[in-house]
PDB file of N, CA and C in Angstrom:
ATOM      1  N   MET A   1      83.108   4.660  65.521  1.00  0.00           N
ATOM      2  CA  MET A   1      82.966   5.911  64.820  1.00  0.00           C
ATOM      3  C   MET A   1      81.960   6.778  65.585  1.00  0.00           C
ATOM      4  N   SER A   2      82.298   8.010  65.780  1.00  0.00           N
ATOM      5  CA  SER A   2      81.421   8.896  66.556  1.00  0.00           C
ATOM      6  C   SER A   2      80.427   9.619  65.648  1.00  0.00           C
ATOM      7  N   ILE A   3      79.329  10.026  66.272  1.00  0.00           N
ATOM      8  CA  ILE A   3      78.315  10.794  65.560  1.00  0.00           C
ATOM      9  C   ILE A   3      78.295  12.211  66.139  1.00  0.00           C
ATOM     10  N   PRO A   4      77.827  13.193  65.378  1.00  0.00           N
ATOM     11  CA  PRO A   4      77.807  14.560  65.881  1.00  0.00           C
ATOM     12  C   PRO A   4      76.747  14.730  66.970  1.00  0.00           C
ATOM     13  N   GLY A   5      77.051  15.565  67.936  1.00  0.00           N
ATOM     14  CA  GLY A   5      76.116  15.864  69.016  1.00  0.00           C
ATOM     15  C   GLY A   5      76.257  17.311  69.431  1.00  0.00           C
ATOM     16  N   LYS A   6      75.411  17.732  70.331  1.00  0.00           N
ATOM     17  CA  LYS A   6      75.436  19.109  70.816  1.00  0.00           C
ATOM     18  C   LYS A   6      75.469  19.067  72.344  1.00  0.00           C
ATOM     19  N   LEU A   7      76.457  19.716  72.920  1.00  0.00           N
ATOM     20  CA  LEU A   7      76.609  19.750  74.368  1.00  0.00           C
ATOM     21  C   LEU A   7      75.952  21.008  74.909  1.00  0.00           C
ATOM     22  N   GLU A   8      74.932  20.842  75.744  1.00  0.00           N
ATOM     23  CA  GLU A   8      74.259  21.968  76.362  1.00  0.00           C
ATOM     24  C   GLU A   8      74.398  21.850  77.876  1.00  0.00           C
ATOM     25  N   VAL A   9      74.413  23.007  78.517  1.00  0.00           N
ATOM     26  CA  VAL A   9      74.573  23.071  79.958  1.00  0.00           C
ATOM     27  C   VAL A   9      73.356  23.778  80.544  1.00  0.00           C
ATOM     28  N   THR A  10      72.867  23.295  81.679  1.00  0.00           N
ATOM     29  CA  THR A  10      71.805  23.968  82.419  1.00  0.00           C
ATOM     30  C   THR A  10      72.319  24.256  83.815  1.00  0.00           C
ATOM     31  N   ILE A  11      72.263  25.530  84.201  1.00  0.00           N
ATOM     32  CA  ILE A  11      72.722  25.963  85.516  1.00  0.00           C
ATOM     33  C   ILE A  11      71.524  26.551  86.246  1.00  0.00           C
ATOM     34  N   LYS A  12      71.291  26.092  87.466  1.00  0.00           N
ATOM     35  CA  LYS A  12      70.181  26.609  88.258  1.00  0.00           C
ATOM     36  C   LYS A  12      70.707  27.659  89.226  1.00  0.00           C
ATOM     37  N   ILE A  13      70.006  28.799  89.281  1.00  0.00           N
ATOM     38  CA  ILE A  13      70.362  29.862  90.219  1.00  0.00           C
ATOM     39  C   ILE A  13      69.101  30.321  90.946  1.00  0.00           C
ATOM     40  N   SER A  14      69.288  30.900  92.132  1.00  0.00           N
ATOM     41  CA  SER A  14      68.139  31.392  92.891  1.00  0.00           C
ATOM     42  C   SER A  14      68.407  32.773  93.484  1.00  0.00           C
ATOM     43  N   GLU A  15      69.453  33.425  93.002  1.00  0.00           N
ATOM     44  CA  GLU A  15      69.774  34.790  93.410  1.00  0.00           C
ATOM     45  C   GLU A  15      70.042  35.610  92.164  1.00  0.00           C
ATOM     46  N   LEU A  16      69.699  36.898  92.245  1.00  0.00           N
ATOM     47  CA  LEU A  16      69.976  37.793  91.124  1.00  0.00           C
ATOM     48  C   LEU A  16      71.469  38.085  91.095  1.00  0.00           C
ATOM     49  N   PRO A  17      72.155  37.723  90.009  1.00  0.00           N
ATOM     50  CA  PRO A  17      73.593  37.985  89.951  1.00  0.00           C
ATOM     51  C   PRO A  17      73.885  39.476  89.791  1.00  0.00           C
ATOM     52  N   THR A  18      75.048  39.879  90.251  1.00  0.00           N
ATOM     53  CA  THR A  18      75.505  41.248  90.025  1.00  0.00           C
ATOM     54  C   THR A  18      76.002  41.311  88.593  1.00  0.00           C
ATOM     55  N   SER A  19      75.404  42.202  87.817  1.00  0.00           N
ATOM     56  CA  SER A  19      75.774  42.253  86.412  1.00  0.00           C
ATOM     57  C   SER A  19      76.506  43.541  86.085  1.00  0.00           C
ATOM     58  N   GLU A  20      77.201  43.481  84.966  1.00  0.00           N
ATOM     59  CA  GLU A  20      77.901  44.645  84.425  1.00  0.00           C
ATOM     60  C   GLU A  20      77.181  44.989  83.127  1.00  0.00           C
ATOM     61  N   LEU A  21      76.742  46.235  83.018  1.00  0.00           N
ATOM     62  CA  LEU A  21      76.058  46.687  81.810  1.00  0.00           C
ATOM     63  C   LEU A  21      77.105  46.961  80.737  1.00  0.00           C
ATOM     64  N   ILE A  22      76.948  46.302  79.593  1.00  0.00           N
ATOM     65  CA  ILE A  22      77.893  46.519  78.497  1.00  0.00           C
ATOM     66  C   ILE A  22      77.133  47.139  77.330  1.00  0.00           C
ATOM     67  N   GLU A  23      77.738  47.226  76.175  1.00  0.00           N
ATOM     68  CA  GLU A  23      77.147  47.942  75.047  1.00  0.00           C
ATOM     69  C   GLU A  23      75.765  47.418  74.658  1.00  0.00           C
ATOM     70  N   ASN A  24      74.944  48.333  74.145  1.00  0.00           N
ATOM     71  CA  ASN A  24      73.593  48.046  73.655  1.00  0.00           C
ATOM     72  C   ASN A  24      72.657  47.475  74.722  1.00  0.00           C
ATOM     73  N   GLY A  25      72.930  47.739  76.000  1.00  0.00           N
ATOM     74  CA  GLY A  25      72.058  47.286  77.069  1.00  0.00           C
ATOM     75  C   GLY A  25      72.234  45.838  77.481  1.00  0.00           C
ATOM     76  N   TRP A  26      73.206  45.153  76.903  1.00  0.00           N
ATOM     77  CA  TRP A  26      73.468  43.765  77.260  1.00  0.00           C
ATOM     78  C   TRP A  26      74.060  43.714  78.668  1.00  0.00           C
ATOM     79  N   HIS A  27      73.823  42.605  79.368  1.00  0.00           N
ATOM     80  CA  HIS A  27      74.342  42.414  80.727  1.00  0.00           C
ATOM     81  C   HIS A  27      75.308  41.235  80.749  1.00  0.00           C
ATOM     82  N   HIS A  28      76.398  41.421  81.488  1.00  0.00           N
ATOM     83  CA  HIS A  28      77.400  40.370  81.648  1.00  0.00           C
ATOM     84  C   HIS A  28      77.508  40.039  83.137  1.00  0.00           C
ATOM     85  N   PHE A  29      77.493  38.741  83.450  1.00  0.00           N
ATOM     86  CA  PHE A  29      77.666  38.306  84.834  1.00  0.00           C
ATOM     87  C   PHE A  29      78.353  36.946  84.848  1.00  0.00           C
ATOM     88  N   THR A  30      78.828  36.568  86.016  1.00  0.00           N
ATOM     89  CA  THR A  30      79.475  35.271  86.155  1.00  0.00           C
ATOM     90  C   THR A  30      78.731  34.450  87.205  1.00  0.00           C
ATOM     91  N   ILE A  31      78.804  33.146  87.049  1.00  0.00           N
ATOM     92  CA  ILE A  31      78.191  32.210  87.979  1.00  0.00           C
ATOM     93  C   ILE A  31      79.285  31.258  88.455  1.00  0.00           C
ATOM     94  N   ASP A  32      79.400  31.100  89.763  1.00  0.00           N
ATOM     95  CA  ASP A  32      80.366  30.160  90.331  1.00  0.00           C
ATOM     96  C   ASP A  32      79.690  28.805  90.453  1.00  0.00           C
ATOM     97  N   CYS A  33      80.125  27.854  89.647  1.00  0.00           N
ATOM     98  CA  CYS A  33      79.560  26.504  89.637  1.00  0.00           C
ATOM     99  C   CYS A  33      80.563  25.543  90.255  1.00  0.00           C
ATOM    100  N   GLU A  34      80.504  25.443  91.577  1.00  0.00           N
ATOM    101  CA  GLU A  34      81.364  24.521  92.314  1.00  0.00           C
ATOM    102  C   GLU A  34      82.837  24.701  91.949  1.00  0.00           C
ATOM    103  N   GLY A  35      83.274  25.973  91.949  1.00  0.00           N
ATOM    104  CA  GLY A  35      84.680  26.266  91.684  1.00  0.00           C
ATOM    105  C   GLY A  35      85.004  26.616  90.248  1.00  0.00           C
ATOM    106  N   ARG A  36      84.077  26.396  89.338  1.00  0.00           N
ATOM    107  CA  ARG A  36      84.285  26.776  87.937  1.00  0.00           C
ATOM    108  C   ARG A  36      83.470  28.033  87.658  1.00  0.00           C
ATOM    109  N   THR A  37      84.084  28.994  87.026  1.00  0.00           N
ATOM    110  CA  THR A  37      83.408  30.249  86.716  1.00  0.00           C
ATOM    111  C   THR A  37      82.828  30.204  85.316  1.00  0.00           C
ATOM    112  N   VAL A  38      81.518  30.428  85.235  1.00  0.00           N
ATOM    113  CA  VAL A  38      80.831  30.452  83.949  1.00  0.00           C
ATOM    114  C   VAL A  38      80.511  31.911  83.634  1.00  0.00           C
ATOM    115  N   SER A  39      80.973  32.378  82.491  1.00  0.00           N
ATOM    116  CA  SER A  39      80.785  33.753  82.053  1.00  0.00           C
ATOM    117  C   SER A  39      79.569  33.819  81.131  1.00  0.00           C
ATOM    118  N   VAL A  40      78.597  34.708  81.473  1.00  0.00           N
ATOM    119  CA  VAL A  40      77.338  34.775  80.742  1.00  0.00           C
ATOM    120  C   VAL A  40      77.082  36.211  80.288  1.00  0.00           C
ATOM    121  N   THR A  41      76.723  36.394  79.028  1.00  0.00           N
ATOM    122  CA  THR A  41      76.334  37.695  78.493  1.00  0.00           C
ATOM    123  C   THR A  41      74.975  37.530  77.827  1.00  0.00           C
ATOM    124  N   VAL A  42      73.981  38.336  78.289  1.00  0.00           N
ATOM    125  CA  VAL A  42      72.617  38.188  77.788  1.00  0.00           C
ATOM    126  C   VAL A  42      72.054  39.507  77.272  1.00  0.00           C
ATOM    127  N   LYS A  43      71.077  39.382  76.392  1.00  0.00           N
ATOM    128  CA  LYS A  43      70.355  40.537  75.841  1.00  0.00           C
ATOM    129  C   LYS A  43      69.497  41.159  76.943  1.00  0.00           C
ATOM    130  N   PRO A  44      69.114  42.423  76.790  1.00  0.00           N
ATOM    131  CA  PRO A  44      68.267  43.077  77.789  1.00  0.00           C
ATOM    132  C   PRO A  44      66.962  42.317  78.060  1.00  0.00           C
ATOM    133  N   LYS A  45      66.352  41.763  77.022  1.00  0.00           N
ATOM    134  CA  LYS A  45      65.089  41.031  77.170  1.00  0.00           C
ATOM    135  C   LYS A  45      65.279  39.793  78.057  1.00  0.00           C
ATOM    136  N   VAL A  46      66.391  39.109  77.908  1.00  0.00           N
ATOM    137  CA  VAL A  46      66.677  37.919  78.703  1.00  0.00           C
ATOM    138  C   VAL A  46      66.981  38.319  80.148  1.00  0.00           C
ATOM    139  N   TRP A  47      67.739  39.406  80.349  1.00  0.00           N
ATOM    140  CA  TRP A  47      68.067  39.890  81.695  1.00  0.00           C
ATOM    141  C   TRP A  47      66.785  40.276  82.442  1.00  0.00           C
ATOM    142  N   LYS A  48      65.826  40.818  81.713  1.00  0.00           N
ATOM    143  CA  LYS A  48      64.554  41.250  82.319  1.00  0.00           C
ATOM    144  C   LYS A  48      63.817  40.080  82.955  1.00  0.00           C
ATOM    145  N   LYS A  49      63.962  38.885  82.414  1.00  0.00           N
ATOM    146  CA  LYS A  49      63.316  37.710  83.003  1.00  0.00           C
ATOM    147  C   LYS A  49      63.809  37.498  84.432  1.00  0.00           C
ATOM    148  N   LEU A  50      65.108  37.700  84.652  1.00  0.00           N
ATOM    149  CA  LEU A  50      65.660  37.536  85.999  1.00  0.00           C
ATOM    150  C   LEU A  50      65.198  38.640  86.940  1.00  0.00           C
ATOM    151  N   THR A  51      65.246  39.878  86.472  1.00  0.00           N
ATOM    152  CA  THR A  51      64.861  40.990  87.347  1.00  0.00           C
ATOM    153  C   THR A  51      63.370  40.941  87.663  1.00  0.00           C
ATOM    154  N   THR A  52      62.559  40.521  86.716  1.00  0.00           N
ATOM    155  CA  THR A  52      61.126  40.390  86.954  1.00  0.00           C
ATOM    156  C   THR A  52      60.852  39.314  88.000  1.00  0.00           C
ATOM    157  N   ALA A  53      61.519  38.185  87.896  1.00  0.00           N
ATOM    158  CA  ALA A  53      61.345  37.114  88.881  1.00  0.00           C
ATOM    159  C   ALA A  53      61.758  37.591  90.267  1.00  0.00           C
ATOM    160  N   ASP A  54      62.860  38.337  90.341  1.00  0.00           N
ATOM    161  CA  ASP A  54      63.343  38.830  91.624  1.00  0.00           C
ATOM    162  C   ASP A  54      62.363  39.822  92.248  1.00  0.00           C
ATOM    163  N   GLU A  55      61.696  40.612  91.416  1.00  0.00           N
ATOM    164  CA  GLU A  55      60.730  41.599  91.911  1.00  0.00           C
ATOM    165  C   GLU A  55      59.390  40.962  92.276  1.00  0.00           C
ATOM    166  N   GLN A  56      58.941  40.005  91.490  1.00  0.00           N
ATOM    167  CA  GLN A  56      57.598  39.457  91.662  1.00  0.00           C
ATOM    168  C   GLN A  56      57.487  38.324  92.670  1.00  0.00           C
ATOM    169  N   TYR A  57      58.541  37.535  92.812  1.00  0.00           N
ATOM    170  CA  TYR A  57      58.440  36.340  93.645  1.00  0.00           C
ATOM    171  C   TYR A  57      59.301  36.478  94.895  1.00  0.00           C
ATOM    172  N   GLU A  58      58.757  35.988  95.987  1.00  0.00           N
ATOM    173  CA  GLU A  58      59.531  35.984  97.229  1.00  0.00           C
ATOM    174  C   GLU A  58      60.691  34.990  97.116  1.00  0.00           C
ATOM    175  N   SER A  59      60.408  33.858  96.490  1.00  0.00           N
ATOM    176  CA  SER A  59      61.421  32.830  96.272  1.00  0.00           C
ATOM    177  C   SER A  59      61.278  32.349  94.831  1.00  0.00           C
ATOM    178  N   TRP A  60      62.402  32.240  94.114  1.00  0.00           N
ATOM    179  CA  TRP A  60      62.356  31.840  92.724  1.00  0.00           C
ATOM    180  C   TRP A  60      63.593  31.023  92.383  1.00  0.00           C
ATOM    181  N   VAL A  61      63.530  30.380  91.240  1.00  0.00           N
ATOM    182  CA  VAL A  61      64.672  29.644  90.698  1.00  0.00           C
ATOM    183  C   VAL A  61      64.678  29.879  89.191  1.00  0.00           C
ATOM    184  N   ALA A  62      65.873  29.985  88.632  1.00  0.00           N
ATOM    185  CA  ALA A  62      66.005  30.194  87.194  1.00  0.00           C
ATOM    186  C   ALA A  62      66.944  29.145  86.609  1.00  0.00           C
ATOM    187  N   ALA A  63      66.622  28.725  85.407  1.00  0.00           N
ATOM    188  CA  ALA A  63      67.468  27.796  84.668  1.00  0.00           C
ATOM    189  C   ALA A  63      68.154  28.589  83.560  1.00  0.00           C
ATOM    190  N   VAL A  64      69.476  28.660  83.632  1.00  0.00           N
ATOM    191  CA  VAL A  64      70.274  29.340  82.618  1.00  0.00           C
ATOM    192  C   VAL A  64      70.861  28.239  81.742  1.00  0.00           C
ATOM    193  N   THR A  65      70.488  28.214  80.466  1.00  0.00           N
ATOM    194  CA  THR A  65      70.964  27.161  79.576  1.00  0.00           C
ATOM    195  C   THR A  65      71.748  27.749  78.415  1.00  0.00           C
ATOM    196  N   GLY A  66      72.631  26.954  77.879  1.00  0.00           N
ATOM    197  CA  GLY A  66      73.423  27.373  76.735  1.00  0.00           C
ATOM    198  C   GLY A  66      74.438  26.307  76.378  1.00  0.00           C
ATOM    199  N   GLN A  67      75.292  26.656  75.433  1.00  0.00           N
ATOM    200  CA  GLN A  67      76.324  25.725  74.974  1.00  0.00           C
ATOM    201  C   GLN A  67      77.672  26.102  75.569  1.00  0.00           C
ATOM    202  N   VAL A  68      78.488  25.113  75.793  1.00  0.00           N
ATOM    203  CA  VAL A  68      79.836  25.361  76.290  1.00  0.00           C
ATOM    204  C   VAL A  68      80.617  26.057  75.191  1.00  0.00           C
ATOM    205  N   GLY A  69      81.122  27.237  75.520  1.00  0.00           N
ATOM    206  CA  GLY A  69      81.888  28.011  74.552  1.00  0.00           C
ATOM    207  C   GLY A  69      83.367  27.955  74.866  1.00  0.00           C
ATOM    208  N   GLU A  70      84.017  29.069  74.647  1.00  0.00           N
ATOM    209  CA  GLU A  70      85.459  29.177  74.854  1.00  0.00           C
ATOM    210  C   GLU A  70      85.841  28.823  76.295  1.00  0.00           C
ATOM    211  N   LEU A  71      86.861  28.010  76.431  1.00  0.00           N
ATOM    212  CA  LEU A  71      87.365  27.658  77.761  1.00  0.00           C
ATOM    213  C   LEU A  71      88.227  28.795  78.285  1.00  0.00           C
ATOM    214  N   THR A  72      88.104  29.068  79.573  1.00  0.00           N
ATOM    215  CA  THR A  72      88.909  30.088  80.228  1.00  0.00           C
ATOM    216  C   THR A  72      89.721  29.395  81.316  1.00  0.00           C
ATOM    217  N   PRO A  73      90.717  30.071  81.887  1.00  0.00           N
ATOM    218  CA  PRO A  73      91.490  29.433  82.964  1.00  0.00           C
ATOM    219  C   PRO A  73      90.631  29.029  84.164  1.00  0.00           C
ATOM    220  N   GLU A  74      89.521  29.751  84.398  1.00  0.00           N
ATOM    221  CA  GLU A  74      88.677  29.473  85.559  1.00  0.00           C
ATOM    222  C   GLU A  74      87.459  28.620  85.234  1.00  0.00           C
ATOM    223  N   GLY A  75      87.079  28.526  83.960  1.00  0.00           N
ATOM    224  CA  GLY A  75      85.866  27.803  83.585  1.00  0.00           C
ATOM    225  C   GLY A  75      85.600  27.893  82.101  1.00  0.00           C
ATOM    226  N   PHE A  76      84.448  28.486  81.733  1.00  0.00           N
ATOM    227  CA  PHE A  76      84.122  28.620  80.317  1.00  0.00           C
ATOM    228  C   PHE A  76      83.103  29.734  80.108  1.00  0.00           C
ATOM    229  N   VAL A  77      82.925  30.095  78.838  1.00  0.00           N
ATOM    230  CA  VAL A  77      81.939  31.089  78.420  1.00  0.00           C
ATOM    231  C   VAL A  77      80.697  30.325  77.973  1.00  0.00           C
ATOM    232  N   LEU A  78      79.527  30.741  78.440  1.00  0.00           N
ATOM    233  CA  LEU A  78      78.273  30.119  78.030  1.00  0.00           C
ATOM    234  C   LEU A  78      77.790  30.813  76.761  1.00  0.00           C
ATOM    235  N   GLU A  79      77.721  30.068  75.668  1.00  0.00           N
ATOM    236  CA  GLU A  79      77.296  30.612  74.379  1.00  0.00           C
ATOM    237  C   GLU A  79      75.787  30.458  74.209  1.00  0.00           C
ATOM    238  N   SER A  80      75.169  31.406  73.530  1.00  0.00           N
ATOM    239  CA  SER A  80      73.724  31.404  73.245  1.00  0.00           C
ATOM    240  C   SER A  80      72.892  31.137  74.495  1.00  0.00           C
ATOM    241  N   PRO A  81      73.115  31.920  75.564  1.00  0.00           N
ATOM    242  CA  PRO A  81      72.382  31.652  76.806  1.00  0.00           C
ATOM    243  C   PRO A  81      70.909  32.037  76.713  1.00  0.00           C
ATOM    244  N   SER A  82      70.090  31.271  77.408  1.00  0.00           N
ATOM    245  CA  SER A  82      68.677  31.609  77.572  1.00  0.00           C
ATOM    246  C   SER A  82      68.321  31.368  79.039  1.00  0.00           C
ATOM    247  N   ILE A  83      67.258  32.024  79.484  1.00  0.00           N
ATOM    248  CA  ILE A  83      66.890  31.941  80.898  1.00  0.00           C
ATOM    249  C   ILE A  83      65.393  31.696  81.013  1.00  0.00           C
ATOM    250  N   GLN A  84      65.028  30.789  81.911  1.00  0.00           N
ATOM    251  CA  GLN A  84      63.641  30.570  82.290  1.00  0.00           C
ATOM    252  C   GLN A  84      63.580  30.713  83.800  1.00  0.00           C
ATOM    253  N   ALA A  85      62.673  31.560  84.297  1.00  0.00           N
ATOM    254  CA  ALA A  85      62.546  31.781  85.732  1.00  0.00           C
ATOM    255  C   ALA A  85      61.184  31.284  86.210  1.00  0.00           C
ATOM    256  N   PHE A  86      61.180  30.676  87.393  1.00  0.00           N
ATOM    257  CA  PHE A  86      59.965  30.098  87.960  1.00  0.00           C
ATOM    258  C   PHE A  86      59.835  30.485  89.422  1.00  0.00           C
ATOM    259  N   GLU A  87      58.608  30.650  89.864  1.00  0.00           N
ATOM    260  CA  GLU A  87      58.368  30.892  91.285  1.00  0.00           C
ATOM    261  C   GLU A  87      58.615  29.589  92.038  1.00  0.00           C
ATOM    262  N   ARG A  88      59.305  29.691  93.158  1.00  0.00           N
ATOM    263  CA  ARG A  88      59.536  28.522  94.006  1.00  0.00           C
ATOM    264  C   ARG A  88      58.500  28.583  95.115  1.00  0.00           C
ATOM    265  N   LYS A  89      57.582  27.654  95.082  1.00  0.00           N
ATOM    266  CA  LYS A  89      56.519  27.631  96.071  1.00  0.00           C
ATOM    267  C   LYS A  89      56.962  26.774  97.254  1.00  0.00           C
ATOM    268  N   PRO A  90      56.663  27.231  98.464  1.00  0.00           N
ATOM    269  CA  PRO A  90      57.054  26.444  99.633  1.00  0.00           C
ATOM    270  C   PRO A  90      56.328  25.102  99.645  1.00  0.00           C
ATOM    271  N   LYS A  91      57.030  24.089 100.094  1.00  0.00           N
ATOM    272  CA  LYS A  91      56.432  22.767 100.167  1.00  0.00           C
ATOM    273  C   LYS A  91      55.398  22.764 101.293  1.00  0.00           C
ATOM    274  N   ALA A  92      54.316  22.087 101.048  1.00  0.00           N
ATOM    275  CA  ALA A  92      53.260  22.002 102.066  1.00  0.00           C
ATOM    276  C   ALA A  92      53.758  21.181 103.246  1.00  0.00           C
ATOM    277  N   ALA A  93      53.458  21.655 104.419  1.00  0.00           N
ATOM    278  CA  ALA A  93      53.881  20.938 105.626  1.00  0.00           C
ATOM    279  C   ALA A  93      53.081  19.641 105.731  1.00  0.00           C
ATOM    280  N   LYS A  94      53.785  18.582 106.079  1.00  0.00           N
ATOM    281  CA  LYS A  94      53.111  17.288 106.222  1.00  0.00           C
ATOM    282  C   LYS A  94      52.394  17.275 107.565  1.00  0.00           C
ATOM    283  N   THR A  95      51.194  16.746 107.525  1.00  0.00           N
ATOM    284  CA  THR A  95      50.421  16.666 108.761  1.00  0.00           C
ATOM    285  C   THR A  95      50.680  15.348 109.443  1.00  0.00           C
ATOM    286  N   ALA A  96      50.808  15.407 110.763  1.00  0.00           N
ATOM    287  CA  ALA A  96      51.038  14.172 111.544  1.00  0.00           C
ATOM    288  C   ALA A  96      49.723  13.449 111.715  1.00  0.00           C
ATOM    289  N   GLU A  97      49.758  12.173 111.467  1.00  0.00           N
ATOM    290  CA  GLU A  97      48.514  11.387 111.579  1.00  0.00           C
ATOM    291  C   GLU A  97      48.544  10.541 112.799  1.00  0.00           C
TER     292      GLU A  97
END
């Protein structure tokens, strides 16, 4: 007998996606995940996290998380997406001993 669970997806990106501005300032963009297209629509406040990271950091990475929504022929729609962006700091060079 199965128990209820929640399927969440985390996608890591390091480039600002090209977005389409839709109603009420929301942004829509797609992410190519190894051949599967993930469709993402976010509020202006969430989109700002990505643009701020792109402006402030030379190198950054963002985690886009959400639930698997409607399936599409190419992939799926990410429901209830959220974004966390972090500065990617260069790894310290190892010194030869």
